[in-house]
Each structure stands twice: as structure tokens, then as C-alpha cells.
Protein backbone atom coordinates (compact mmCIF):
# COMPACT_ATOMS: atom_id res chain seq x y z
CA MET A 1 115.59 100.41 108.85
CA LYS A 2 116.63 100.68 112.50
CA SER A 3 117.85 104.12 113.57
CA PRO A 4 121.17 104.43 115.43
CA LEU A 5 119.44 107.00 117.67
CA LEU A 6 117.60 104.15 119.40
CA THR A 7 120.76 103.87 121.50
CA LEU A 8 120.16 107.31 123.05
CA PRO A 9 119.28 107.32 126.77
CA GLY A 10 115.62 106.55 127.46
CA ALA A 11 114.76 105.58 123.87
CA VAL A 12 111.72 103.31 123.61
CA PRO A 13 111.24 101.80 120.14
CA ALA A 14 108.08 102.61 118.21
CA GLU A 15 105.86 99.84 116.90
CA GLY A 16 103.87 99.24 113.75
CA VAL A 17 104.51 101.41 110.71
CA ASP A 18 106.87 103.65 112.70
CA GLU A 19 109.07 100.77 113.81
CA GLY A 20 112.74 101.65 113.52
CA VAL A 21 112.70 104.99 115.36
CA ALA A 22 111.91 105.99 118.94
CA ALA A 23 108.33 106.27 120.16
CA HIS A 24 109.63 108.47 122.96
CA TYR A 25 112.72 109.07 125.10
CA GLY A 26 111.14 108.68 128.51
CA ASP A 27 108.92 111.77 128.86
CA LEU A 28 106.21 112.13 126.25
CA PHE A 29 104.77 115.43 127.49
CA ARG A 30 108.15 117.07 127.97
CA GLU A 31 109.03 116.12 124.40
CA GLN A 32 105.77 117.61 123.12
CA ARG A 33 106.36 120.85 125.01
CA ALA A 34 109.85 121.12 123.58
CA LEU A 35 108.59 120.72 120.02
CA ALA A 36 105.77 123.22 120.61
CA ASP A 37 108.40 125.67 121.88
CA GLY A 38 110.58 125.16 118.81
CA ALA A 39 113.24 123.08 120.52
CA GLY A 40 114.75 119.69 119.79
CA PHE A 41 114.24 117.41 116.79
CA VAL A 42 112.42 114.26 115.68
CA ASP A 43 114.16 111.30 114.09
CA LEU A 44 112.17 110.34 110.97
CA SER A 45 114.92 108.25 109.45
CA HIS A 46 112.49 105.35 108.90
CA ARG A 47 110.60 107.27 106.22
CA GLY A 48 111.17 106.49 102.57
CA VAL A 49 113.12 108.99 100.44
CA VAL A 50 112.64 109.17 96.68
CA THR A 51 114.31 111.54 94.23
CA VAL A 52 113.45 112.50 90.67
CA SER A 53 116.12 114.19 88.59
CA GLY A 54 116.48 115.20 84.97
CA PRO A 55 115.54 118.27 82.91
CA GLU A 56 111.89 117.20 82.48
CA ARG A 57 111.26 116.16 86.10
CA LEU A 58 108.76 118.89 87.03
CA GLY A 59 106.71 118.71 83.86
CA TRP A 60 106.60 114.92 84.10
CA LEU A 61 105.57 114.89 87.76
CA HIS A 62 102.92 117.50 86.97
CA LEU A 63 101.18 114.89 84.80
CA LEU A 64 101.11 112.31 87.60
CA LEU A 65 100.49 114.23 90.81
CA THR A 66 97.47 116.04 92.19
CA GLN A 67 99.59 119.13 92.82
CA HIS A 68 100.61 121.87 90.35
CA VAL A 69 104.38 121.38 90.17
CA SER A 70 105.33 122.24 86.58
CA GLU A 71 106.63 125.62 87.71
CA LEU A 72 107.55 124.75 91.30
CA PRO A 73 110.23 127.24 92.43
CA PRO A 74 113.42 125.83 93.93
CA HIS A 75 113.30 125.29 97.72
CA GLN A 76 109.50 125.79 97.94
CA ALA A 77 107.87 122.96 99.87
CA THR A 78 104.67 121.36 98.69
CA GLU A 79 102.78 118.11 99.10
CA ALA A 80 100.96 115.95 96.59
CA LEU A 81 98.99 112.75 96.20
CA ILE A 82 98.86 109.96 93.68
CA LEU A 83 95.35 108.63 93.18
CA SER A 84 93.90 105.47 91.71
CA ALA A 85 91.79 105.64 88.56
CA ASN A 86 88.75 105.86 90.86
CA GLY A 87 90.18 108.78 92.81
CA HIS A 88 91.23 106.87 95.93
CA ILE A 89 94.44 107.94 97.65
CA GLU A 90 97.40 105.63 97.00
CA HIS A 91 100.47 107.73 97.88
CA ALA A 92 101.26 110.98 99.71
CA LEU A 93 104.50 112.79 98.83
CA TYR A 94 106.13 115.64 100.74
CA LEU A 95 108.21 117.45 98.13
CA VAL A 96 110.85 120.06 97.55
CA ASP A 97 112.96 120.80 94.46
CA ASP A 98 116.56 121.90 95.00
CA GLY A 99 116.96 123.28 91.47
CA GLU A 100 118.27 120.04 90.03
CA THR A 101 116.40 117.25 91.82
CA VAL A 102 112.98 116.77 93.39
CA TRP A 103 113.28 115.26 96.86
CA ALA A 104 110.28 113.57 98.49
CA HIS A 105 109.76 111.72 101.72
CA VAL A 106 106.94 109.21 101.96
CA GLU A 107 105.42 106.80 104.46
CA PRO A 108 107.74 104.03 105.66
CA GLY A 109 107.71 101.05 103.31
CA THR A 110 105.73 102.75 100.53
CA GLN A 111 108.69 103.95 98.49
CA GLN A 112 109.10 100.73 96.52
CA ALA A 113 105.51 100.70 95.26
CA LEU A 114 105.76 104.41 94.49
CA ILE A 115 108.97 103.94 92.51
CA ALA A 116 107.46 101.01 90.60
CA TYR A 117 104.55 103.23 89.54
CA LEU A 118 106.80 106.13 88.59
CA GLU A 119 109.08 103.86 86.57
CA SER A 120 106.07 102.50 84.69
CA MET A 121 105.14 106.05 83.65
CA LYS A 122 108.55 107.25 82.42
CA PHE A 123 108.05 106.43 78.73
CA PHE A 124 110.42 108.74 76.81
CA TYR A 125 110.73 111.47 79.44
CA ARG A 126 114.21 112.49 80.49
CA VAL A 127 113.88 111.68 84.17
CA GLU A 128 115.65 109.43 86.65
CA VAL A 129 113.87 108.01 89.70
CA ALA A 130 115.94 106.79 92.65
CA ASP A 131 115.35 105.25 96.07
CA ARG A 132 117.55 107.26 98.44
CA THR A 133 116.25 105.74 101.67
CA ALA A 134 119.43 103.80 102.37
CA ASP A 135 121.68 106.87 102.30
CA THR A 136 119.33 109.66 103.38
CA ALA A 137 117.63 110.20 106.75
CA VAL A 138 114.75 112.60 107.30
CA VAL A 139 115.08 114.77 110.42
CA HIS A 140 112.30 117.13 111.55
CA LEU A 141 113.04 120.46 113.22
CA PRO A 142 109.92 122.08 114.74
CA ALA A 143 108.60 125.51 113.76
CA GLY A 144 110.62 128.19 115.52
CA SER A 145 113.76 126.09 115.76
CA ILE A 146 117.01 128.02 115.49
CA ALA A 147 119.09 124.90 114.93
CA GLU A 148 121.68 125.22 112.20
CA VAL A 149 121.41 123.11 109.06
CA PRO A 150 124.61 121.59 107.66
CA GLU A 151 125.77 123.10 104.40
CA GLY A 152 124.47 121.33 101.33
CA VAL A 153 121.57 119.59 103.09
CA VAL A 154 118.23 119.86 101.26
CA VAL A 155 115.55 121.45 103.45
CA ARG A 156 111.79 121.33 103.11
CA GLU A 157 110.39 124.27 105.11
CA THR A 158 106.69 124.38 106.07
CA PRO A 159 104.58 126.23 108.66
CA TYR A 160 104.97 123.19 110.92
CA GLY A 161 108.76 123.05 110.78
CA ARG A 162 111.66 121.99 108.59
CA ASP A 163 112.30 118.53 107.16
CA LEU A 164 115.97 117.88 106.50
CA PHE A 165 117.18 115.32 103.95
CA LEU A 166 120.34 114.51 105.88
CA PRO A 167 123.05 112.07 104.78
CA ARG A 168 122.35 108.99 106.90
CA ALA A 169 126.00 108.72 107.88
CA GLU A 170 125.72 112.12 109.60
CA LEU A 171 122.58 111.36 111.61
CA GLU A 172 124.25 110.56 114.92
CA SER A 173 126.69 113.47 114.84
CA TYR A 174 123.97 115.94 113.84
CA ALA A 175 121.64 114.71 116.58
CA GLY A 176 124.26 115.68 119.15
CA THR A 177 124.12 119.32 118.03
CA VAL A 178 120.40 120.12 117.85
CA GLY A 179 119.06 119.75 121.37
CA PRO A 180 116.89 117.13 123.03
CA PRO A 181 115.35 114.36 120.90
CA ALA A 182 111.59 113.92 120.74
CA GLY A 183 109.91 110.68 119.77
CA ILE A 184 107.42 110.03 117.02
CA LEU A 185 104.54 109.99 119.54
CA ALA A 186 105.19 113.63 120.41
CA LEU A 187 105.10 114.62 116.75
CA GLU A 188 101.95 112.57 116.22
CA ALA A 189 100.19 114.31 119.11
CA LEU A 190 100.93 117.68 117.52
CA ARG A 191 99.80 116.39 114.13
CA VAL A 192 96.46 115.36 115.60
CA GLU A 193 96.12 118.78 117.26
CA GLN A 194 96.80 120.41 113.88
CA HIS A 195 94.19 118.20 112.15
CA ARG A 196 96.72 116.98 109.58
CA PRO A 197 95.92 113.65 107.92
CA ARG A 198 98.50 110.92 107.39
CA LEU A 199 98.46 108.22 104.74
CA GLY A 200 97.66 104.82 106.22
CA PHE A 201 96.20 106.37 109.35
CA GLU A 202 93.41 108.66 108.16
CA THR A 203 93.13 106.74 104.88
CA ASP A 204 91.76 103.37 103.91
CA HIS A 205 91.24 101.69 100.52
CA ARG A 206 88.38 104.02 99.56
CA THR A 207 89.46 107.41 100.93
CA ILE A 208 89.20 110.37 98.57
CA PRO A 209 91.01 113.70 99.19
CA HIS A 210 87.84 115.70 99.98
CA GLU A 211 87.16 113.60 103.08
CA LEU A 212 90.41 114.67 104.75
CA GLY A 213 90.64 118.33 103.82
CA TRP A 214 93.46 117.69 101.33
CA ILE A 215 91.79 119.82 98.66
CA GLY A 216 93.91 122.93 98.17
CA GLY A 217 96.79 121.69 100.29
CA ALA A 218 97.75 118.58 98.34
CA VAL A 219 95.22 118.73 95.49
CA HIS A 220 95.26 121.64 93.03
CA LEU A 221 91.90 122.18 91.36
CA GLN A 222 93.15 124.30 88.45
CA LYS A 223 95.61 122.01 86.70
CA GLY A 224 95.63 119.53 83.85
CA CYS A 225 94.60 115.91 83.83
CA TYR A 226 95.99 113.25 86.16
CA ARG A 227 94.80 109.82 87.19
CA GLY A 228 91.70 110.11 89.37
CA GLN A 229 90.97 113.72 88.42
CA GLU A 230 87.48 112.88 87.20
CA THR A 231 86.44 111.80 90.70
CA VAL A 232 88.01 114.88 92.28
CA ALA A 233 86.20 117.22 89.87
CA ARG A 234 82.87 115.42 90.14
CA VAL A 235 82.80 115.50 93.94
CA GLN A 236 84.04 119.09 94.03
CA ASN A 237 81.48 120.39 91.53
CA LEU A 238 78.47 118.13 91.86
CA GLY A 239 78.38 116.52 95.27
CA LYS A 240 79.83 115.93 98.71
CA PRO A 241 82.23 113.27 99.98
CA PRO A 242 80.61 110.35 101.83
CA ARG A 243 82.74 110.88 104.95
CA ARG A 244 84.47 113.73 106.73
CA LEU A 245 87.40 114.09 109.10
CA VAL A 246 86.64 115.23 112.66
CA PHE A 247 88.74 116.05 115.70
CA LEU A 248 87.66 114.40 118.95
CA HIS A 249 88.17 115.49 122.54
CA LEU A 250 88.12 112.22 124.49
CA ASP A 251 87.00 111.58 128.06
CA GLY A 252 90.15 111.93 130.14
CA SER A 253 88.99 109.51 132.82
CA GLU A 254 89.62 106.51 130.55
CA VAL A 255 92.96 104.77 131.03
CA HIS A 256 93.36 103.48 127.49
CA LEU A 257 93.17 105.40 124.24
CA PRO A 258 90.92 104.00 121.50
CA VAL A 259 93.14 102.40 118.86
CA ARG A 260 92.87 102.96 115.13
CA GLY A 261 89.74 101.31 113.79
CA THR A 262 87.75 101.69 117.02
CA GLU A 263 84.10 102.25 116.12
CA VAL A 264 82.62 105.71 116.61
CA ARG A 265 78.92 105.66 117.51
CA LEU A 266 76.21 108.19 118.19
CA VAL A 267 75.01 108.84 121.72
CA GLY A 268 71.25 109.05 121.90
CA GLY A 269 70.54 107.32 118.64
CA ASP A 270 71.13 107.98 114.97
CA ALA A 271 70.94 111.21 112.98
CA SER A 272 67.14 110.90 112.71
CA GLY A 273 66.74 110.76 116.49
CA SER A 274 65.92 107.06 116.73
CA GLY A 275 68.00 104.12 117.89
CA GLU A 276 69.72 103.13 121.08
CA ALA A 277 72.00 105.23 123.22
CA GLY A 278 75.65 104.79 124.15
CA PRO A 279 78.03 102.24 122.66
CA GLU A 280 75.05 100.31 121.23
CA GLY A 281 74.02 103.33 119.14
CA ARG A 282 74.46 103.42 115.38
CA LYS A 283 78.01 103.19 114.07
CA VAL A 284 78.94 106.35 112.17
CA GLY A 285 82.70 106.05 111.68
CA PHE A 286 86.01 104.97 113.17
CA VAL A 287 89.03 106.39 114.96
CA THR A 288 92.03 106.97 112.70
CA THR A 289 94.66 108.30 115.15
CA SER A 290 94.57 108.89 118.91
CA ALA A 291 97.10 110.63 121.13
CA ARG A 292 97.72 112.09 124.56
CA HIS A 293 98.33 115.81 124.16
CA PHE A 294 100.28 117.75 126.78
CA GLU A 295 97.61 120.50 126.97
CA LEU A 296 94.42 119.05 125.47
CA GLY A 297 94.57 115.63 127.10
CA PRO A 298 93.42 112.57 125.14
CA VAL A 299 92.42 113.50 121.57
CA ALA A 300 91.84 111.75 118.29
CA LEU A 301 91.07 112.12 114.63
CA ALA A 302 88.20 110.11 113.17
CA LEU A 303 86.36 109.59 109.90
CA VAL A 304 82.59 109.82 110.26
CA LYS A 305 79.67 109.82 107.87
CA ARG A 306 79.09 113.21 106.30
CA ASN A 307 75.53 113.54 107.60
CA VAL A 308 76.49 113.15 111.28
CA PRO A 309 75.35 116.40 112.95
CA VAL A 310 78.27 118.63 113.94
CA ASP A 311 76.86 118.88 117.48
CA ALA A 312 76.15 115.16 117.88
CA ARG A 313 77.54 113.46 120.97
CA LEU A 314 79.74 110.52 120.12
CA VAL A 315 81.50 107.59 121.76
CA ALA A 316 84.72 106.05 120.50
CA GLY A 317 84.49 102.46 121.66
CA GLU A 318 83.36 103.13 125.23
CA THR A 319 85.01 106.55 125.53
CA ALA A 320 82.85 109.67 125.37
CA ALA A 321 83.96 112.06 122.63
CA ALA A 322 83.11 115.64 121.72
CA GLN A 323 83.74 116.51 118.09
CA GLU A 324 85.21 119.54 116.37
CA THR A 325 84.64 120.05 112.66
CA VAL A 326 87.67 119.61 110.41
CA VAL A 327 85.92 119.01 107.07
CA GLU A 328 82.59 120.75 106.69
CA PRO A 329 79.55 118.50 106.10
């Protein structure tokens, strides 16, 4: 769904999964600084919006999600996952209940598969699932923003800012009242800095929540059964995940950022001290997201094997990379 805000001065369209909104508006670092200072907004109107209404909505969702939502207070933001039977991540939902309806925004293009799954699990529960993407646009206001929110608009407030479920017809007029726009690349750079995973970027077909640090934030360990819970409990109580998320400081002398999927290799050999150095060293993972940060320079998130030493020197493609621990080995 193409955003009308792509007509704003300087707007450069995003590509890939974020197609439909602006990558930036002409000055990536200025846009990042504005968001970090609590100014401006980000157009996320390409994201899917799903609602669940009905008197049994919270209890029903509690049975399906990794998060404890049966007693979710109105207007309290949370996030949750839907897992496969084997515990692999299939969906990530960013939720808030307004007292009558649960509102969730999800990754662009995933709402139809999510709704199909939810519909298949309704049985005799008094719930109604709806795709609200066509009439609702998500707008992000950064933490510290003093921008006013129109009356009646559902807000999901988190430590990172506020997500507004704005009527799509009001998107253009609201954008003219909340300061300078920032593109999705600015928000992504801050997400990488904050070590926050994103479905489809930090995940692949076999990712489990422990690998990304989603335990506690999106996965509640003291709740009833849900699909994939056996894997979550087994890894939590008896073992360790096979991979872990790391934050990479990349060599700033390189012109190009390593793209998603770029191999991460050890410098100086493998974890046992043998093997070849440099890009020919043993592969230990791959880049999931890379960005140019206005203060930190080129940075990235990556998934690496759990047994990679936390002080190991790495290369992402041909770019030297120093790692910071996100998920403990």
C-alpha cells in the first residue's frame, strides 16, 4: 500500500519489505538526530493492522500467543509471538487493548497469514478478527515527543515511543502537524542501536525466541500452554539456543554496508584456534540488519553460533567487525 506521504519534499521510496513508505527524506542523519531528540514522526502506514474484538478476546488470545494477555489492562502496550509446533517464530504482534478491541500492528504483508491462522482457531469463542490495514495507518512518534494525538486514536506507548493507529484518511493532515518526517531507515538505525529484533530480518525459518532475546519481552515463561511452548520450556530449562544475537561495530572505511545474509566469519581461525584467517575463516553466522548510525557509524545485528567467543574478532563479508553481546552465550 503506497503512502500519500511519498509526495512530501525529498521523499525517497523504500525498497523490499518496507516498500510503500519513505526510506528517507533527503538527510538520513538529520532524521535520526530528530528522532533521538524526540522530534518528528515516522510513517509506518505500510504495516499490517489486525484487530480482535469480542468479550472473550483476551482469554482466547492468551491461548495462542507467547505473551500473558488474559488480564492485559486497557492501554498497556505489549508484544507477543506466534510459534510453530516446533517453537520457531512465525508472527510478531505489537499489541494494545483499548478496553473493547485488541489492536495489533504486524510486519507488512503478514497480516493475511496471521488472520487465516487466527480464524482457524476461533472454534466457539466469541471473538471477531478483522484486517484493518486498508483504513488504519500506523504512525510512530519517538520517545520524548510532545506531539498531540487526535482524540479517539488508539495509542500504543512503549519506552521507544508511541505507535498511533490513525485513520488512514487523516494521515496527510496529521503529518502536517507533528514536525519533520523521518524515513524508515532512520528508525531502523535506532532499532539496531537498541538491539531490538524484527521479524523477517533477525529471523529465519528456524529461529527460536531465545536466540534473539525475546524471552521476557515477548515470551512469558509463567503462563499456560500455547503452540511451541514445549520447545521454549526445554531450551529455557535444559539447554541453550544454538545461535545468539550480537551487535556489530563495522569498519567505517568501507563504502558499502554488508547486506542481510552476508556471512560472518572468524578472524584468526575458528573457536578452537585453528583454521584460516580473514574472510576465508570459518563461517559462524550472518548479518541480519545493517545501518549507518548518526553517532556510532556503520553498525549491524547478526546471528552467530552460540559458542563463538564474546571477544572473537569477526568479519562481515570483507568488513571488519567488533561484537557486543546481546544474548549471552
